[in-house]
Amino acid sequence: MKQTIKIEVDLDENHLPEKISMNTSDIHESNIKSMMISLWQAKKKETLKIDLWTKDMPVHEMFIMYHQTLRSMANSLERATGEDKLAKKLKQYCTMFAKETKILNG
């Protein structure tokens, strides 16, 4: 079984993203403000990355996205490797990041 993920990016005259949309057979989302894609290139042992955000992406919302992404990475690290100590340290960093960016109460 194969699944196609199609991402379209509308650019302005200066080649800055204005609109990002994603389509799959199950999902159509046209109100995407930011995306981060990381792909592991096994032969070269390096990460291929695409980081894009639209011109109207608020910084505060970008902080929230980074926080949620880092938390997700910590959870994935723990599930995939069993490295609960490393995952815990990454989660602690996430808490500090959330406090510093004022996206976390308390």
PDB file of N, CA and C in Angstrom:
ATOM      1  N   MET A   1       0.846  -1.182   0.000  1.00  0.00           N
ATOM      2  CA  MET A   1       0.000   0.000   0.000  1.00  0.00           C
ATOM      3  C   MET A   1       0.885   1.238   0.000  1.00  0.00           C
ATOM      4  N   LYS A   2       0.530   2.197  -0.813  1.00  0.00           N
ATOM      5  CA  LYS A   2       1.252   3.456  -0.877  1.00  0.00           C
ATOM      6  C   LYS A   2       0.305   4.599  -0.548  1.00  0.00           C
ATOM      7  N   GLN A   3       0.874   5.642   0.002  1.00  0.00           N
ATOM      8  CA  GLN A   3       0.124   6.862   0.312  1.00  0.00           C
ATOM      9  C   GLN A   3       0.920   8.026  -0.257  1.00  0.00           C
ATOM     10  N   THR A   4       0.251   8.901  -0.964  1.00  0.00           N
ATOM     11  CA  THR A   4       0.896  10.096  -1.497  1.00  0.00           C
ATOM     12  C   THR A   4       0.546  11.284  -0.619  1.00  0.00           C
ATOM     13  N   ILE A   5       1.565  12.042  -0.268  1.00  0.00           N
ATOM     14  CA  ILE A   5       1.380  13.285   0.480  1.00  0.00           C
ATOM     15  C   ILE A   5       1.825  14.406  -0.438  1.00  0.00           C
ATOM     16  N   LYS A   6       0.921  15.304  -0.709  1.00  0.00           N
ATOM     17  CA  LYS A   6       1.218  16.424  -1.601  1.00  0.00           C
ATOM     18  C   LYS A   6       1.196  17.721  -0.794  1.00  0.00           C
ATOM     19  N   ILE A   7       2.294  18.456  -0.866  1.00  0.00           N
ATOM     20  CA  ILE A   7       2.398  19.737  -0.181  1.00  0.00           C
ATOM     21  C   ILE A   7       2.601  20.807  -1.237  1.00  0.00           C
ATOM     22  N   GLU A   8       1.755  21.818  -1.190  1.00  0.00           N
ATOM     23  CA  GLU A   8       1.883  22.937  -2.123  1.00  0.00           C
ATOM     24  C   GLU A   8       2.187  24.205  -1.342  1.00  0.00           C
ATOM     25  N   VAL A   9       3.110  24.992  -1.890  1.00  0.00           N
ATOM     26  CA  VAL A   9       3.503  26.245  -1.259  1.00  0.00           C
ATOM     27  C   VAL A   9       3.325  27.366  -2.276  1.00  0.00           C
ATOM     28  N   ASP A  10       2.463  28.326  -1.957  1.00  0.00           N
ATOM     29  CA  ASP A  10       2.303  29.516  -2.794  1.00  0.00           C
ATOM     30  C   ASP A  10       3.308  30.563  -2.330  1.00  0.00           C
ATOM     31  N   LEU A  11       4.071  31.100  -3.279  1.00  0.00           N
ATOM     32  CA  LEU A  11       5.100  32.085  -2.963  1.00  0.00           C
ATOM     33  C   LEU A  11       4.707  33.462  -3.472  1.00  0.00           C
ATOM     34  N   ASP A  12       5.186  34.492  -2.791  1.00  0.00           N
ATOM     35  CA  ASP A  12       4.968  35.856  -3.273  1.00  0.00           C
ATOM     36  C   ASP A  12       6.050  36.207  -4.292  1.00  0.00           C
ATOM     37  N   GLU A  13       6.081  37.445  -4.720  1.00  0.00           N
ATOM     38  CA  GLU A  13       7.048  37.870  -5.739  1.00  0.00           C
ATOM     39  C   GLU A  13       8.497  37.783  -5.252  1.00  0.00           C
ATOM     40  N   ASN A  14       8.693  37.761  -3.925  1.00  0.00           N
ATOM     41  CA  ASN A  14      10.041  37.632  -3.357  1.00  0.00           C
ATOM     42  C   ASN A  14      10.364  36.191  -2.953  1.00  0.00           C
ATOM     43  N   HIS A  15       9.525  35.271  -3.386  1.00  0.00           N
ATOM     44  CA  HIS A  15       9.697  33.839  -3.111  1.00  0.00           C
ATOM     45  C   HIS A  15       9.537  33.499  -1.630  1.00  0.00           C
ATOM     46  N   LEU A  16       8.739  34.283  -0.918  1.00  0.00           N
ATOM     47  CA  LEU A  16       8.423  33.984   0.480  1.00  0.00           C
ATOM     48  C   LEU A  16       7.088  33.255   0.527  1.00  0.00           C
ATOM     49  N   PRO A  17       6.980  32.219   1.374  1.00  0.00           N
ATOM     50  CA  PRO A  17       5.726  31.471   1.453  1.00  0.00           C
ATOM     51  C   PRO A  17       4.564  32.334   1.938  1.00  0.00           C
ATOM     52  N   GLU A  18       3.474  32.285   1.191  1.00  0.00           N
ATOM     53  CA  GLU A  18       2.241  32.971   1.578  1.00  0.00           C
ATOM     54  C   GLU A  18       1.178  31.987   2.045  1.00  0.00           C
ATOM     55  N   LYS A  19       1.193  30.797   1.470  1.00  0.00           N
ATOM     56  CA  LYS A  19       0.176  29.804   1.788  1.00  0.00           C
ATOM     57  C   LYS A  19       0.791  28.416   1.634  1.00  0.00           C
ATOM     58  N   ILE A  20       0.475  27.544   2.591  1.00  0.00           N
ATOM     59  CA  ILE A  20       0.922  26.154   2.540  1.00  0.00           C
ATOM     60  C   ILE A  20      -0.318  25.281   2.646  1.00  0.00           C
ATOM     61  N   SER A  21      -0.418  24.287   1.784  1.00  0.00           N
ATOM     62  CA  SER A  21      -1.536  23.348   1.872  1.00  0.00           C
ATOM     63  C   SER A  21      -1.013  21.931   1.708  1.00  0.00           C
ATOM     64  N   MET A  22      -1.768  20.970   2.264  1.00  0.00           N
ATOM     65  CA  MET A  22      -1.386  19.567   2.207  1.00  0.00           C
ATOM     66  C   MET A  22      -2.594  18.743   1.809  1.00  0.00           C
ATOM     67  N   ASN A  23      -2.348  17.776   0.945  1.00  0.00           N
ATOM     68  CA  ASN A  23      -3.410  16.874   0.513  1.00  0.00           C
ATOM     69  C   ASN A  23      -2.920  15.437   0.567  1.00  0.00           C
ATOM     70  N   THR A  24      -3.763  14.564   1.094  1.00  0.00           N
ATOM     71  CA  THR A  24      -3.588  13.123   1.016  1.00  0.00           C
ATOM     72  C   THR A  24      -4.943  12.568   0.597  1.00  0.00           C
ATOM     73  N   SER A  25      -5.040  11.271   0.502  1.00  0.00           N
ATOM     74  CA  SER A  25      -6.349  10.712   0.161  1.00  0.00           C
ATOM     75  C   SER A  25      -7.349  10.916   1.293  1.00  0.00           C
ATOM     76  N   ASP A  26      -6.854  11.131   2.523  1.00  0.00           N
ATOM     77  CA  ASP A  26      -7.725  11.290   3.695  1.00  0.00           C
ATOM     78  C   ASP A  26      -7.841  12.724   4.200  1.00  0.00           C
ATOM     79  N   ILE A  27      -6.855  13.542   3.908  1.00  0.00           N
ATOM     80  CA  ILE A  27      -6.768  14.875   4.530  1.00  0.00           C
ATOM     81  C   ILE A  27      -6.587  15.950   3.468  1.00  0.00           C
ATOM     82  N   HIS A  28      -7.320  17.037   3.648  1.00  0.00           N
ATOM     83  CA  HIS A  28      -7.072  18.257   2.877  1.00  0.00           C
ATOM     84  C   HIS A  28      -6.998  19.390   3.887  1.00  0.00           C
ATOM     85  N   GLU A  29      -5.837  19.980   4.019  1.00  0.00           N
ATOM     86  CA  GLU A  29      -5.640  21.086   4.964  1.00  0.00           C
ATOM     87  C   GLU A  29      -5.017  22.236   4.206  1.00  0.00           C
ATOM     88  N   SER A  30      -5.730  23.358   4.176  1.00  0.00           N
ATOM     89  CA  SER A  30      -5.232  24.501   3.409  1.00  0.00           C
ATOM     90  C   SER A  30      -4.838  25.686   4.272  1.00  0.00           C
ATOM     91  N   ASN A  31      -4.939  25.548   5.587  1.00  0.00           N
ATOM     92  CA  ASN A  31      -4.614  26.661   6.476  1.00  0.00           C
ATOM     93  C   ASN A  31      -3.367  26.353   7.296  1.00  0.00           C
ATOM     94  N   ILE A  32      -2.308  25.907   6.644  1.00  0.00           N
ATOM     95  CA  ILE A  32      -1.056  25.573   7.320  1.00  0.00           C
ATOM     96  C   ILE A  32      -0.169  26.815   7.322  1.00  0.00           C
ATOM     97  N   LYS A  33       0.348  27.166   8.467  1.00  0.00           N
ATOM     98  CA  LYS A  33       1.191  28.357   8.599  1.00  0.00           C
ATOM     99  C   LYS A  33       2.675  28.025   8.684  1.00  0.00           C
ATOM    100  N   SER A  34       2.996  26.770   9.042  1.00  0.00           N
ATOM    101  CA  SER A  34       4.393  26.402   9.202  1.00  0.00           C
ATOM    102  C   SER A  34       4.534  24.895   9.052  1.00  0.00           C
ATOM    103  N   MET A  35       5.714  24.465   8.611  1.00  0.00           N
ATOM    104  CA  MET A  35       5.984  23.031   8.525  1.00  0.00           C
ATOM    105  C   MET A  35       7.469  22.762   8.729  1.00  0.00           C
ATOM    106  N   MET A  36       7.738  21.601   9.293  1.00  0.00           N
ATOM    107  CA  MET A  36       9.101  21.113   9.474  1.00  0.00           C
ATOM    108  C   MET A  36       9.091  19.656   9.038  1.00  0.00           C
ATOM    109  N   ILE A  37       9.915  19.343   8.070  1.00  0.00           N
ATOM    110  CA  ILE A  37      10.013  17.961   7.608  1.00  0.00           C
ATOM    111  C   ILE A  37      11.467  17.543   7.738  1.00  0.00           C
ATOM    112  N   SER A  38      11.683  16.406   8.380  1.00  0.00           N
ATOM    113  CA  SER A  38      13.021  15.841   8.510  1.00  0.00           C
ATOM    114  C   SER A  38      12.996  14.426   7.950  1.00  0.00           C
ATOM    115  N   LEU A  39      13.907  14.161   7.044  1.00  0.00           N
ATOM    116  CA  LEU A  39      14.014  12.846   6.422  1.00  0.00           C
ATOM    117  C   LEU A  39      15.436  12.330   6.619  1.00  0.00           C
ATOM    118  N   TRP A  40      15.570  11.066   6.989  1.00  0.00           N
ATOM    119  CA  TRP A  40      16.890  10.498   7.220  1.00  0.00           C
ATOM    120  C   TRP A  40      17.401   9.885   5.925  1.00  0.00           C
ATOM    121  N   GLN A  41      18.543  10.381   5.459  1.00  0.00           N
ATOM    122  CA  GLN A  41      19.193   9.871   4.257  1.00  0.00           C
ATOM    123  C   GLN A  41      20.230   8.864   4.742  1.00  0.00           C
ATOM    124  N   ALA A  42      19.881   7.583   4.701  1.00  0.00           N
ATOM    125  CA  ALA A  42      20.678   6.534   5.339  1.00  0.00           C
ATOM    126  C   ALA A  42      22.076   6.405   4.754  1.00  0.00           C
ATOM    127  N   LYS A  43      22.211   6.473   3.445  1.00  0.00           N
ATOM    128  CA  LYS A  43      23.526   6.265   2.829  1.00  0.00           C
ATOM    129  C   LYS A  43      24.535   7.327   3.269  1.00  0.00           C
ATOM    130  N   LYS A  44      24.097   8.584   3.316  1.00  0.00           N
ATOM    131  CA  LYS A  44      24.981   9.679   3.730  1.00  0.00           C
ATOM    132  C   LYS A  44      24.981   9.892   5.240  1.00  0.00           C
ATOM    133  N   LYS A  45      24.035   9.255   5.926  1.00  0.00           N
ATOM    134  CA  LYS A  45      23.863   9.419   7.375  1.00  0.00           C
ATOM    135  C   LYS A  45      23.683  10.892   7.744  1.00  0.00           C
ATOM    136  N   GLU A  46      22.716  11.509   7.081  1.00  0.00           N
ATOM    137  CA  GLU A  46      22.417  12.908   7.382  1.00  0.00           C
ATOM    138  C   GLU A  46      20.919  13.166   7.216  1.00  0.00           C
ATOM    139  N   THR A  47      20.485  14.221   7.857  1.00  0.00           N
ATOM    140  CA  THR A  47      19.085  14.601   7.816  1.00  0.00           C
ATOM    141  C   THR A  47      18.857  15.608   6.706  1.00  0.00           C
ATOM    142  N   LEU A  48      17.850  15.330   5.901  1.00  0.00           N
ATOM    143  CA  LEU A  48      17.388  16.281   4.898  1.00  0.00           C
ATOM    144  C   LEU A  48      16.221  17.027   5.525  1.00  0.00           C
ATOM    145  N   LYS A  49      16.236  18.354   5.456  1.00  0.00           N
ATOM    146  CA  LYS A  49      15.223  19.135   6.172  1.00  0.00           C
ATOM    147  C   LYS A  49      14.570  20.174   5.276  1.00  0.00           C
ATOM    148  N   ILE A  50      13.304  20.384   5.553  1.00  0.00           N
ATOM    149  CA  ILE A  50      12.564  21.498   4.959  1.00  0.00           C
ATOM    150  C   ILE A  50      11.850  22.199   6.108  1.00  0.00           C
ATOM    151  N   ASP A  51      12.178  23.440   6.336  1.00  0.00           N
ATOM    152  CA  ASP A  51      11.507  24.273   7.339  1.00  0.00           C
ATOM    153  C   ASP A  51      10.928  25.474   6.611  1.00  0.00           C
ATOM    154  N   LEU A  52       9.626  25.618   6.641  1.00  0.00           N
ATOM    155  CA  LEU A  52       8.962  26.749   5.990  1.00  0.00           C
ATOM    156  C   LEU A  52       7.910  27.325   6.919  1.00  0.00           C
ATOM    157  N   TRP A  53       7.711  28.624   6.819  1.00  0.00           N
ATOM    158  CA  TRP A  53       6.621  29.280   7.524  1.00  0.00           C
ATOM    159  C   TRP A  53       6.139  30.428   6.666  1.00  0.00           C
ATOM    160  N   THR A  54       4.859  30.713   6.790  1.00  0.00           N
ATOM    161  CA  THR A  54       4.279  31.796   6.009  1.00  0.00           C
ATOM    162  C   THR A  54       4.638  33.136   6.638  1.00  0.00           C
ATOM    163  N   LYS A  55       4.508  34.173   5.824  1.00  0.00           N
ATOM    164  CA  LYS A  55       4.850  35.529   6.279  1.00  0.00           C
ATOM    165  C   LYS A  55       4.012  35.962   7.477  1.00  0.00           C
ATOM    166  N   ASP A  56       2.799  35.418   7.586  1.00  0.00           N
ATOM    167  CA  ASP A  56       1.900  35.850   8.664  1.00  0.00           C
ATOM    168  C   ASP A  56       1.884  34.894   9.857  1.00  0.00           C
ATOM    169  N   MET A  57       2.890  34.028   9.970  1.00  0.00           N
ATOM    170  CA  MET A  57       2.987  33.128  11.125  1.00  0.00           C
ATOM    171  C   MET A  57       3.470  33.929  12.328  1.00  0.00           C
ATOM    172  N   PRO A  58       2.624  34.065  13.369  1.00  0.00           N
ATOM    173  CA  PRO A  58       3.047  34.819  14.555  1.00  0.00           C
ATOM    174  C   PRO A  58       4.171  34.099  15.309  1.00  0.00           C
ATOM    175  N   VAL A  59       5.098  34.853  15.827  1.00  0.00           N
ATOM    176  CA  VAL A  59       6.237  34.290  16.560  1.00  0.00           C
ATOM    177  C   VAL A  59       5.745  33.460  17.745  1.00  0.00           C
ATOM    178  N   HIS A  60       4.740  33.957  18.456  1.00  0.00           N
ATOM    179  CA  HIS A  60       4.215  33.217  19.616  1.00  0.00           C
ATOM    180  C   HIS A  60       3.720  31.833  19.200  1.00  0.00           C
ATOM    181  N   GLU A  61       3.045  31.743  18.060  1.00  0.00           N
ATOM    182  CA  GLU A  61       2.574  30.446  17.576  1.00  0.00           C
ATOM    183  C   GLU A  61       3.738  29.571  17.112  1.00  0.00           C
ATOM    184  N   MET A  62       4.797  30.188  16.596  1.00  0.00           N
ATOM    185  CA  MET A  62       5.982  29.425  16.216  1.00  0.00           C
ATOM    186  C   MET A  62       6.619  28.811  17.459  1.00  0.00           C
ATOM    187  N   PHE A  63       6.662  29.569  18.563  1.00  0.00           N
ATOM    188  CA  PHE A  63       7.175  29.022  19.819  1.00  0.00           C
ATOM    189  C   PHE A  63       6.362  27.792  20.235  1.00  0.00           C
ATOM    190  N   ILE A  64       5.038  27.883  20.113  1.00  0.00           N
ATOM    191  CA  ILE A  64       4.176  26.752  20.473  1.00  0.00           C
ATOM    192  C   ILE A  64       4.481  25.557  19.579  1.00  0.00           C
ATOM    193  N   MET A  65       4.647  25.797  18.287  1.00  0.00           N
ATOM    194  CA  MET A  65       4.957  24.702  17.364  1.00  0.00           C
ATOM    195  C   MET A  65       6.282  24.042  17.725  1.00  0.00           C
ATOM    196  N   TYR A  66       7.311  24.850  18.000  1.00  0.00           N
ATOM    197  CA  TYR A  66       8.603  24.281  18.383  1.00  0.00           C
ATOM    198  C   TYR A  66       8.467  23.453  19.661  1.00  0.00           C
ATOM    199  N   HIS A  67       7.745  23.971  20.637  1.00  0.00           N
ATOM    200  CA  HIS A  67       7.557  23.258  21.888  1.00  0.00           C
ATOM    201  C   HIS A  67       6.859  21.918  21.653  1.00  0.00           C
ATOM    202  N   GLN A  68       5.778  21.933  20.890  1.00  0.00           N
ATOM    203  CA  GLN A  68       5.052  20.697  20.624  1.00  0.00           C
ATOM    204  C   GLN A  68       5.905  19.710  19.830  1.00  0.00           C
ATOM    205  N   THR A  69       6.701  20.212  18.893  1.00  0.00           N
ATOM    206  CA  THR A  69       7.568  19.351  18.091  1.00  0.00           C
ATOM    207  C   THR A  69       8.650  18.716  18.959  1.00  0.00           C
ATOM    208  N   LEU A  70       9.269  19.518  19.818  1.00  0.00           N
ATOM    209  CA  LEU A  70      10.306  18.982  20.702  1.00  0.00           C
ATOM    210  C   LEU A  70       9.733  17.944  21.670  1.00  0.00           C
ATOM    211  N   ARG A  71       8.543  18.206  22.214  1.00  0.00           N
ATOM    212  CA  ARG A  71       7.891  17.227  23.105  1.00  0.00           C
ATOM    213  C   ARG A  71       7.610  15.934  22.364  1.00  0.00           C
ATOM    214  N   SER A  72       7.137  16.060  21.137  1.00  0.00           N
ATOM    215  CA  SER A  72       6.858  14.878  20.322  1.00  0.00           C
ATOM    216  C   SER A  72       8.144  14.094  20.048  1.00  0.00           C
ATOM    217  N   MET A  73       9.230  14.810  19.790  1.00  0.00           N
ATOM    218  CA  MET A  73      10.516  14.155  19.557  1.00  0.00           C
ATOM    219  C   MET A  73      10.979  13.406  20.814  1.00  0.00           C
ATOM    220  N   ALA A  74      10.767  13.988  21.970  1.00  0.00           N
ATOM    221  CA  ALA A  74      11.137  13.330  23.225  1.00  0.00           C
ATOM    222  C   ALA A  74      10.329  12.044  23.401  1.00  0.00           C
ATOM    223  N   ASN A  75       9.039  12.110  23.129  1.00  0.00           N
ATOM    224  CA  ASN A  75       8.194  10.918  23.247  1.00  0.00           C
ATOM    225  C   ASN A  75       8.609   9.845  22.241  1.00  0.00           C
ATOM    226  N   SER A  76       8.908  10.253  21.014  1.00  0.00           N
ATOM    227  CA  SER A  76       9.342   9.304  19.984  1.00  0.00           C
ATOM    228  C   SER A  76      10.675   8.672  20.353  1.00  0.00           C
ATOM    229  N   LEU A  77      11.598   9.476  20.869  1.00  0.00           N
ATOM    230  CA  LEU A  77      12.894   8.968  21.295  1.00  0.00           C
ATOM    231  C   LEU A  77      12.726   7.871  22.343  1.00  0.00           C
ATOM    232  N   GLU A  78      11.856   8.135  23.303  1.00  0.00           N
ATOM    233  CA  GLU A  78      11.626   7.173  24.374  1.00  0.00           C
ATOM    234  C   GLU A  78      11.014   5.879  23.833  1.00  0.00           C
ATOM    235  N   ARG A  79       9.997   6.008  22.978  1.00  0.00           N
ATOM    236  CA  ARG A  79       9.335   4.822  22.412  1.00  0.00           C
ATOM    237  C   ARG A  79      10.270   4.033  21.495  1.00  0.00           C
ATOM    238  N   ALA A  80      11.025   4.728  20.661  1.00  0.00           N
ATOM    239  CA  ALA A  80      11.840   4.060  19.641  1.00  0.00           C
ATOM    240  C   ALA A  80      13.120   3.444  20.194  1.00  0.00           C
ATOM    241  N   THR A  81      13.684   4.057  21.247  1.00  0.00           N
ATOM    242  CA  THR A  81      14.992   3.605  21.725  1.00  0.00           C
ATOM    243  C   THR A  81      14.984   3.089  23.158  1.00  0.00           C
ATOM    244  N   GLY A  82      13.939   3.409  23.913  1.00  0.00           N
ATOM    245  CA  GLY A  82      13.914   3.039  25.324  1.00  0.00           C
ATOM    246  C   GLY A  82      14.797   3.925  26.182  1.00  0.00           C
ATOM    247  N   GLU A  83      15.334   4.993  25.593  1.00  0.00           N
ATOM    248  CA  GLU A  83      16.216   5.916  26.318  1.00  0.00           C
ATOM    249  C   GLU A  83      15.383   6.896  27.144  1.00  0.00           C
ATOM    250  N   ASP A  84      14.829   6.384  28.239  1.00  0.00           N
ATOM    251  CA  ASP A  84      13.944   7.222  29.044  1.00  0.00           C
ATOM    252  C   ASP A  84      14.679   8.352  29.754  1.00  0.00           C
ATOM    253  N   LYS A  85      15.955   8.162  30.115  1.00  0.00           N
ATOM    254  CA  LYS A  85      16.711   9.234  30.765  1.00  0.00           C
ATOM    255  C   LYS A  85      16.947  10.400  29.801  1.00  0.00           C
ATOM    256  N   LEU A  86      17.335  10.085  28.570  1.00  0.00           N
ATOM    257  CA  LEU A  86      17.530  11.145  27.573  1.00  0.00           C
ATOM    258  C   LEU A  86      16.214  11.835  27.247  1.00  0.00           C
ATOM    259  N   ALA A  87      15.156  11.058  27.118  1.00  0.00           N
ATOM    260  CA  ALA A  87      13.843  11.624  26.824  1.00  0.00           C
ATOM    261  C   ALA A  87      13.395  12.551  27.955  1.00  0.00           C
ATOM    262  N   LYS A  88      13.651  12.148  29.180  1.00  0.00           N
ATOM    263  CA  LYS A  88      13.284  12.986  30.328  1.00  0.00           C
ATOM    264  C   LYS A  88      14.038  14.312  30.292  1.00  0.00           C
ATOM    265  N   LYS A  89      15.324  14.276  29.946  1.00  0.00           N
ATOM    266  CA  LYS A  89      16.115  15.516  29.865  1.00  0.00           C
ATOM    267  C   LYS A  89      15.595  16.427  28.752  1.00  0.00           C
ATOM    268  N   LEU A  90      15.203  15.835  27.643  1.00  0.00           N
ATOM    269  CA  LEU A  90      14.645  16.635  26.559  1.00  0.00           C
ATOM    270  C   LEU A  90      13.313  17.256  26.986  1.00  0.00           C
ATOM    271  N   LYS A  91      12.506  16.515  27.723  1.00  0.00           N
ATOM    272  CA  LYS A  91      11.233  17.053  28.226  1.00  0.00           C
ATOM    273  C   LYS A  91      11.484  18.185  29.222  1.00  0.00           C
ATOM    274  N   GLN A  92      12.540  18.058  30.034  1.00  0.00           N
ATOM    275  CA  GLN A  92      12.895  19.137  30.960  1.00  0.00           C
ATOM    276  C   GLN A  92      13.291  20.389  30.185  1.00  0.00           C
ATOM    277  N   TYR A  93      14.048  20.201  29.105  1.00  0.00           N
ATOM    278  CA  TYR A  93      14.398  21.339  28.256  1.00  0.00           C
ATOM    279  C   TYR A  93      13.131  21.969  27.679  1.00  0.00           C
ATOM    280  N   CYS A  94      12.188  21.136  27.270  1.00  0.00           N
ATOM    281  CA  CYS A  94      10.930  21.646  26.710  1.00  0.00           C
ATOM    282  C   CYS A  94      10.185  22.512  27.718  1.00  0.00           C
ATOM    283  N   THR A  95      10.188  22.102  28.959  1.00  0.00           N
ATOM    284  CA  THR A  95       9.539  22.882  30.011  1.00  0.00           C
ATOM    285  C   THR A  95      10.227  24.231  30.168  1.00  0.00           C
ATOM    286  N   MET A  96      11.556  24.242  30.170  1.00  0.00           N
ATOM    287  CA  MET A  96      12.296  25.499  30.268  1.00  0.00           C
ATOM    288  C   MET A  96      12.002  26.382  29.051  1.00  0.00           C
ATOM    289  N   PHE A  97      11.990  25.779  27.865  1.00  0.00           N
ATOM    290  CA  PHE A  97      11.702  26.517  26.639  1.00  0.00           C
ATOM    291  C   PHE A  97      10.311  27.166  26.724  1.00  0.00           C
ATOM    292  N   ALA A  98       9.339  26.413  27.196  1.00  0.00           N
ATOM    293  CA  ALA A  98       7.974  26.930  27.312  1.00  0.00           C
ATOM    294  C   ALA A  98       7.905  28.086  28.302  1.00  0.00           C
ATOM    295  N   LYS A  99       8.628  27.998  29.398  1.00  0.00           N
ATOM    296  CA  LYS A  99       8.638  29.087  30.379  1.00  0.00           C
ATOM    297  C   LYS A  99       9.322  30.322  29.809  1.00  0.00           C
ATOM    298  N   GLU A 100      10.472  30.122  29.145  1.00  0.00           N
ATOM    299  CA  GLU A 100      11.218  31.249  28.580  1.00  0.00           C
ATOM    300  C   GLU A 100      10.430  31.977  27.484  1.00  0.00           C
ATOM    301  N   THR A 101       9.652  31.236  26.728  1.00  0.00           N
ATOM    302  CA  THR A 101       8.879  31.841  25.647  1.00  0.00           C
ATOM    303  C   THR A 101       7.485  32.254  26.106  1.00  0.00           C
ATOM    304  N   LYS A 102       7.194  32.013  27.378  1.00  0.00           N
ATOM    305  CA  LYS A 102       5.923  32.411  28.001  1.00  0.00           C
ATOM    306  C   LYS A 102       4.710  31.763  27.327  1.00  0.00           C
ATOM    307  N   ILE A 103       4.899  30.499  26.904  1.00  0.00           N
ATOM    308  CA  ILE A 103       3.759  29.765  26.352  1.00  0.00           C
ATOM    309  C   ILE A 103       3.190  28.784  27.377  1.00  0.00           C
ATOM    310  N   LEU A 104       3.849  28.697  28.546  1.00  0.00           N
ATOM    311  CA  LEU A 104       3.421  27.802  29.603  1.00  0.00           C
ATOM    312  C   LEU A 104       3.103  28.622  30.835  1.00  0.00           C
ATOM    313  N   ASN A 105       1.958  28.380  31.426  1.00  0.00           N
ATOM    314  CA  ASN A 105       1.599  29.080  32.662  1.00  0.00           C
ATOM    315  C   ASN A 105       2.309  28.408  33.826  1.00  0.00           C
ATOM    316  N   GLY A 106       2.821  29.240  34.731  1.00  0.00           N
ATOM    317  CA  GLY A 106       3.427  28.702  35.948  1.00  0.00           C
ATOM    318  C   GLY A 106       4.874  28.626  35.970  1.00  0.00           C
TER     319      GLY A 106
END
